[in-house]
Protein backbone atom coordinates (compact mmCIF):
# COMPACT_ATOMS: atom_id res chain seq x y z
CA MET A 1 0.10 -0.01 -0.02
CA ARG A 2 2.76 2.67 0.75
CA ALA A 3 4.66 1.52 -2.33
CA GLY A 4 1.46 2.46 -4.44
CA PHE A 5 0.60 5.57 -2.55
CA GLU A 6 4.54 7.23 -2.80
CA ALA A 7 4.22 5.84 -6.58
CA SER A 8 1.12 8.18 -7.00
CA LEU A 9 2.50 11.31 -5.31
CA PRO A 10 4.18 12.94 -8.50
CA ASP A 11 1.10 12.66 -10.34
CA ARG A 12 -1.39 13.91 -7.05
CA LEU A 13 1.17 16.73 -6.96
CA LYS A 14 0.48 17.92 -10.48
CA ARG A 15 -2.94 17.74 -10.05
CA SER A 16 -2.75 19.49 -7.00
CA PHE A 17 -1.33 22.50 -8.81
CA ARG A 18 -3.84 22.64 -11.61
CA VAL A 19 -7.07 22.84 -9.45
CA LYS A 20 -8.48 25.86 -8.44
CA LEU A 21 -9.99 25.91 -4.81
CA GLN A 22 -11.89 28.62 -2.83
CA PRO A 23 -9.63 28.68 0.71
CA PHE A 24 -13.05 28.45 2.44
CA ILE A 25 -17.08 28.43 1.91
CA PRO A 26 -20.18 28.65 4.31
CA ALA A 27 -20.35 25.69 6.69
CA HIS A 28 -23.64 24.48 4.93
CA TRP A 29 -24.98 20.88 4.81
CA PHE A 30 -23.05 20.41 1.44
CA ALA A 31 -19.77 22.24 2.31
CA ALA A 32 -18.10 18.98 3.65
CA ALA A 33 -19.07 16.88 0.52
CA ALA A 34 -18.22 20.12 -1.77
CA SER A 35 -14.81 20.23 -0.41
CA GLU A 36 -13.92 16.53 -1.00
CA CYS A 37 -14.42 16.53 -4.18
CA ALA A 38 -10.98 18.41 -4.76
CA GLY A 39 -9.43 15.80 -2.97
CA MET A 40 -10.97 13.11 -4.89
CA TYR A 41 -9.32 14.84 -8.50
CA ILE A 42 -6.18 15.02 -6.70
CA ALA A 43 -6.23 11.19 -5.46
CA GLY A 44 -7.21 10.12 -8.98
CA TYR A 45 -10.87 9.27 -8.15
CA PHE A 46 -12.20 10.85 -11.61
CA TYR A 47 -15.71 9.10 -11.32
CA GLY A 48 -16.41 10.29 -7.60
CA ALA A 49 -15.07 13.87 -8.17
CA ILE A 50 -17.45 14.49 -11.18
CA SER A 51 -20.38 13.02 -9.45
CA VAL A 52 -20.12 14.65 -6.29
CA ALA A 53 -19.07 18.21 -8.16
CA GLN A 54 -22.91 17.37 -9.98
CA ALA A 55 -24.76 16.61 -6.34
CA TYR A 56 -23.09 19.62 -5.21
CA ILE A 57 -24.49 21.53 -8.00
CA GLU A 58 -27.60 20.08 -7.57
CA ALA A 59 -27.27 21.23 -3.66
CA LEU A 60 -26.19 24.51 -4.08
CA SER A 61 -28.82 25.36 -6.65
CA ARG A 62 -31.71 24.01 -4.20
CA PHE A 63 -29.98 26.54 -1.34
CA LEU A 64 -29.84 29.42 -3.69
CA ALA A 65 -33.54 29.02 -4.62
CA GLU A 66 -34.63 28.63 -1.32
CA HIS A 67 -32.18 31.68 -0.05
CA HIS A 68 -34.54 33.83 -2.62
CA GLY A 69 -37.78 32.23 -2.35
CA LEU A 70 -37.66 30.43 -5.82
CA ARG A 71 -39.87 27.33 -6.75
CA LEU A 72 -37.37 24.34 -6.36
CA GLY A 73 -38.63 22.34 -9.06
CA LYS A 74 -37.25 18.92 -9.81
CA ASP A 75 -34.94 20.16 -12.82
CA THR A 76 -31.11 21.17 -11.46
CA LEU A 77 -30.67 22.82 -14.97
CA GLU A 78 -33.82 24.32 -15.34
CA ARG A 79 -33.18 25.89 -11.36
CA CYS A 80 -29.84 27.20 -12.35
CA ARG A 81 -31.60 28.49 -15.52
CA ARG A 82 -34.37 30.70 -13.09
CA LEU A 83 -31.53 31.60 -10.69
CA HIS A 84 -29.73 33.43 -13.58
CA ARG A 85 -32.63 34.96 -15.12
CA GLU A 86 -32.99 36.40 -11.39
CA LYS A 87 -29.58 37.41 -11.08
CA VAL A 88 -28.11 35.11 -8.70
CA LEU A 89 -26.14 33.43 -10.93
CA SER A 90 -24.03 35.25 -13.77
CA ASP A 91 -23.73 34.23 -17.23
CA GLN A 92 -20.15 32.68 -15.94
CA ALA A 93 -21.76 30.71 -13.03
CA LEU A 94 -24.58 29.30 -15.01
CA ASN A 95 -22.11 28.14 -17.96
CA ALA A 96 -20.38 26.48 -15.01
CA ALA A 97 -23.08 24.54 -13.47
CA VAL A 98 -24.37 23.38 -17.23
CA ALA A 99 -20.83 22.02 -17.92
CA ILE A 100 -20.60 20.28 -14.49
CA PHE A 101 -23.89 18.98 -15.35
CA ASP A 102 -23.56 17.62 -18.58
CA GLY A 103 -23.82 13.83 -18.18
CA ARG A 104 -25.34 13.85 -14.86
CA ASN A 105 -27.66 11.08 -15.58
CA ASP A 106 -24.68 8.98 -17.42
CA PHE A 107 -22.17 9.25 -14.64
CA HIS A 108 -24.96 8.82 -11.70
CA HIS A 109 -26.41 5.69 -13.13
CA LEU A 110 -22.92 4.64 -14.74
CA ASN A 111 -24.71 4.35 -18.35
CA LYS A 112 -22.50 2.83 -21.15
CA GLU A 113 -21.85 6.63 -22.21
CA VAL A 114 -19.84 7.12 -19.24
CA PRO A 115 -15.75 7.86 -20.76
CA GLN A 116 -13.86 5.17 -19.52
CA GLU A 117 -10.37 6.60 -20.79
CA TYR A 118 -8.38 7.47 -18.05
CA ARG A 119 -7.12 10.75 -19.33
CA LYS A 120 -10.49 11.87 -20.43
CA LEU A 121 -12.01 11.20 -16.93
CA GLU A 122 -9.15 13.37 -15.44
CA ALA A 123 -9.51 16.07 -18.08
CA ARG A 124 -13.61 15.97 -17.20
CA ALA A 125 -12.86 16.09 -13.38
CA LEU A 126 -10.31 18.73 -13.64
CA GLU A 127 -12.88 21.12 -15.60
CA SER A 128 -15.50 20.17 -12.81
CA MET A 129 -13.30 21.36 -9.95
CA ASN A 130 -12.44 24.54 -11.98
CA HIS A 131 -16.16 25.40 -12.68
CA LEU A 132 -16.81 25.05 -8.88
CA HIS A 133 -14.32 27.52 -8.43
CA THR A 134 -16.20 30.02 -10.52
CA ILE A 135 -19.55 29.34 -8.85
CA GLU A 136 -17.88 29.46 -5.34
CA SER A 137 -15.67 32.65 -6.25
CA GLU A 138 -18.79 34.51 -7.07
CA ILE A 139 -21.59 33.43 -4.75
CA PHE A 140 -19.19 32.79 -1.72
CA ALA A 141 -17.26 35.98 -2.58
CA TYR A 142 -15.14 37.46 0.10
CA SER A 143 -12.02 39.71 0.37
CA VAL A 144 -9.37 39.63 3.12
CA GLY A 145 -8.46 42.82 4.57
CA ASP A 146 -5.50 44.59 5.99
CA GLU A 147 -6.67 43.98 9.63
CA PRO A 148 -5.67 40.67 10.35
CA GLY A 149 -8.81 37.85 10.61
CA LYS A 150 -10.69 40.68 9.07
CA VAL A 151 -12.82 39.38 6.15
CA THR A 152 -15.48 41.21 4.09
CA LEU A 153 -18.29 38.75 3.10
CA MET A 154 -19.64 39.98 -0.75
CA ARG A 155 -22.88 38.26 0.07
CA PRO A 156 -23.19 37.99 3.90
CA GLU A 157 -26.97 36.77 3.47
CA TYR A 158 -25.22 33.28 2.52
CA TRP A 159 -23.34 32.66 5.12
CA PRO A 160 -24.05 31.08 8.51
CA PHE A 161 -23.33 33.61 11.47
CA VAL A 162 -22.93 32.62 14.81
CA ASP A 163 -23.12 36.59 15.84
CA PRO A 164 -22.62 39.63 13.94
CA GLU A 165 -18.63 39.49 14.15
CA LEU A 166 -18.34 35.88 13.42
CA VAL A 167 -19.33 33.33 10.86
CA GLN A 168 -19.10 29.26 10.63
CA VAL A 169 -17.46 28.06 7.59
CA ASN A 170 -15.77 25.28 6.04
CA LEU A 171 -11.95 25.44 5.95
CA ARG A 172 -10.16 23.53 2.66
CA HIS A 173 -6.56 23.01 1.85
CA LEU A 174 -5.21 20.58 -0.67
């Protein structure tokens, strides 16, 4: 096992430099699973990374629709389009969600159409991870100020507050 892990390290390191990752996101019910996506990609679990990214789009779009009082519906892509029409998602975020969700049923049901070539899966997983970053960096945008520990949330309504000066976050690292 150790030899296998050590042999995989060069590829894991290469993948870790390719993925964009928002250092923290709000600690909602989907945060831990969303954070595992990058780890799965880096470890080489591409089917899992793609599938969890797709499930994350479902959960995130549901969260945003509920937050904005929009009808949920069962169709995730239609929900994302509705969020776009309501100016909750930008063109870039909508395009990223659509790209991630492409082939969702094939991946979730392991249909025959799912790619089996390692490099295609790796590329698709990386695209999914970086599309997630596009969405997260918009929805959960923040800036770090000069004052130590001071973070300004661009959309504070999406973050679970403990008190007026403290929010719950899911810390991420590679």
